[in-house]
Amino acid sequence: MKRELLENVKVLPVTSGSTVIDRAGFLSAVLGVTATGATTVTVAHCDTEDGTFEPVKDTRLFGDGTKVADDGSVSAVIPTEADDLLNVGIDLVGCKQFIQFTAAGAFALALGDSIAQPV
């Protein structure tokens, strides 16, 4: 039996607003967040690792949980109880190669839907 999860997912710790993630080859992500109350998740993207990051304006980014601001940027607002563990599904198809996440609490990221599948 082939273990596809092991070769198709990249999991990494993320620091809110400062970790730059190269999403090349991945079409989606799951952000695991430990939150202590209502949490807002936003994503910024850029064509280069050291460029100027701008808010993502893809209304499909968080699926049905996407909130669109007046300037077109999107976020997910998630109501939670104290110390809830959340898994936020994110569609990265409309994002540039480099992304950054901003959210309150501690979180980790799993990139998935690898473009290159193992043989």
Protein backbone atom coordinates (compact mmCIF):
# COMPACT_ATOMS: atom_id res chain seq x y z
CA MET A 1 0.00 0.00 0.00
CA LYS A 2 1.35 3.40 -0.98
CA ARG A 3 1.51 6.03 1.77
CA GLU A 4 0.57 9.16 -0.15
CA LEU A 5 0.24 11.45 2.87
CA LEU A 6 3.94 11.23 3.65
CA GLU A 7 5.06 12.43 0.21
CA ASN A 8 2.26 14.89 -0.57
CA VAL A 9 2.16 17.08 2.53
CA LYS A 10 4.57 19.64 4.00
CA VAL A 11 3.98 20.57 7.66
CA LEU A 12 5.72 23.51 9.31
CA PRO A 13 5.48 25.82 12.33
CA VAL A 14 4.42 29.37 11.54
CA THR A 15 4.89 32.66 13.38
CA SER A 16 2.00 35.05 12.81
CA GLY A 17 2.78 37.77 10.30
CA SER A 18 6.48 37.01 9.93
CA THR A 19 7.04 33.50 8.55
CA VAL A 20 7.29 33.52 4.75
CA ILE A 21 6.05 30.26 3.22
CA ASP A 22 7.01 29.10 -0.26
CA ARG A 23 3.86 27.33 -1.43
CA ALA A 24 5.30 26.29 -4.82
CA GLY A 25 3.80 22.95 -5.81
CA PHE A 26 0.92 23.03 -3.30
CA LEU A 27 -2.70 23.98 -4.00
CA SER A 28 -4.21 24.00 -0.52
CA ALA A 29 -3.39 24.23 3.16
CA VAL A 30 -4.80 23.46 6.57
CA LEU A 31 -3.95 25.93 9.31
CA GLY A 32 -4.13 24.40 12.79
CA VAL A 33 -4.80 27.19 15.30
CA THR A 34 -5.03 27.02 19.09
CA ALA A 35 -7.20 30.01 19.90
CA THR A 36 -8.48 31.57 23.10
CA GLY A 37 -11.47 33.39 21.62
CA ALA A 38 -12.87 34.57 18.30
CA THR A 39 -10.01 34.34 15.81
CA THR A 40 -9.46 36.18 12.54
CA VAL A 41 -7.18 34.54 9.99
CA THR A 42 -5.76 36.59 7.10
CA VAL A 43 -3.34 35.73 4.30
CA ALA A 44 -0.94 38.01 2.43
CA HIS A 45 0.99 37.02 -0.69
CA CYS A 46 3.87 38.15 -2.90
CA ASP A 47 5.77 37.00 -6.02
CA THR A 48 9.12 37.16 -4.19
CA GLU A 49 10.23 36.04 -0.74
CA ASP A 50 11.52 39.49 0.28
CA GLY A 51 8.99 41.65 -1.59
CA THR A 52 6.01 43.63 -0.37
CA PHE A 53 3.20 41.35 0.79
CA GLU A 54 -0.37 42.39 -0.01
CA PRO A 55 -3.64 40.98 1.33
CA VAL A 56 -5.15 38.14 -0.70
CA LYS A 57 -8.37 39.16 -2.47
CA ASP A 58 -9.54 35.70 -3.55
CA THR A 59 -13.10 35.20 -2.27
CA ARG A 60 -12.65 31.41 -2.42
CA LEU A 61 -9.67 31.42 -0.04
CA PHE A 62 -11.56 30.12 3.01
CA GLY A 63 -14.57 28.61 1.22
CA ASP A 64 -17.91 29.42 2.86
CA GLY A 65 -16.12 31.05 5.83
CA THR A 66 -14.64 33.89 3.75
CA LYS A 67 -15.38 37.46 4.88
CA VAL A 68 -14.70 40.21 2.31
CA ALA A 69 -13.62 43.69 3.52
CA ASP A 70 -14.41 46.98 1.76
CA ASP A 71 -10.96 47.00 0.14
CA GLY A 72 -11.52 43.50 -1.29
CA SER A 73 -9.16 41.70 1.12
CA VAL A 74 -10.49 38.52 2.67
CA SER A 75 -10.32 36.86 6.08
CA ALA A 76 -11.94 34.07 8.06
CA VAL A 77 -13.52 35.00 11.37
CA ILE A 78 -13.91 31.92 13.55
CA PRO A 79 -15.84 31.99 16.83
CA THR A 80 -14.15 29.76 19.41
CA GLU A 81 -14.15 28.89 23.06
CA ALA A 82 -11.04 29.09 25.25
CA ASP A 83 -8.17 26.90 24.03
CA ASP A 84 -10.05 25.45 21.06
CA LEU A 85 -8.05 23.69 18.36
CA LEU A 86 -9.24 24.80 14.92
CA ASN A 87 -8.45 23.40 11.50
CA VAL A 88 -8.95 26.11 8.88
CA GLY A 89 -9.09 24.87 5.28
CA ILE A 90 -7.47 27.25 2.78
CA ASP A 91 -7.61 27.13 -1.04
CA LEU A 92 -4.28 28.52 -2.30
CA VAL A 93 -4.99 28.31 -6.05
CA GLY A 94 -5.48 32.10 -6.34
CA CYS A 95 -2.37 32.96 -4.29
CA LYS A 96 1.08 33.97 -5.46
CA GLN A 97 4.10 31.77 -4.67
CA PHE A 98 5.00 33.24 -1.26
CA ILE A 99 2.41 33.61 1.51
CA GLN A 100 2.17 34.81 5.12
CA PHE A 101 -0.54 34.09 7.69
CA THR A 102 -1.77 36.32 10.49
CA ALA A 103 -3.86 34.93 13.34
CA ALA A 104 -4.05 35.16 17.12
CA GLY A 105 -2.83 32.16 19.07
CA ALA A 106 -0.35 29.43 18.25
CA PHE A 107 -0.53 27.70 14.91
CA ALA A 108 1.05 25.30 12.44
CA LEU A 109 0.51 24.87 8.72
CA ALA A 110 0.13 21.80 6.53
CA LEU A 111 0.50 22.39 2.79
CA GLY A 112 -1.24 19.78 0.64
CA ASP A 113 -2.58 18.87 -2.79
CA SER A 114 0.89 18.56 -4.21
CA ILE A 115 1.11 19.19 -7.95
CA ALA A 116 3.77 16.46 -8.30
CA GLN A 117 2.35 13.09 -7.21
CA PRO A 118 4.68 10.22 -6.24
CA VAL A 119 4.80 7.30 -8.64
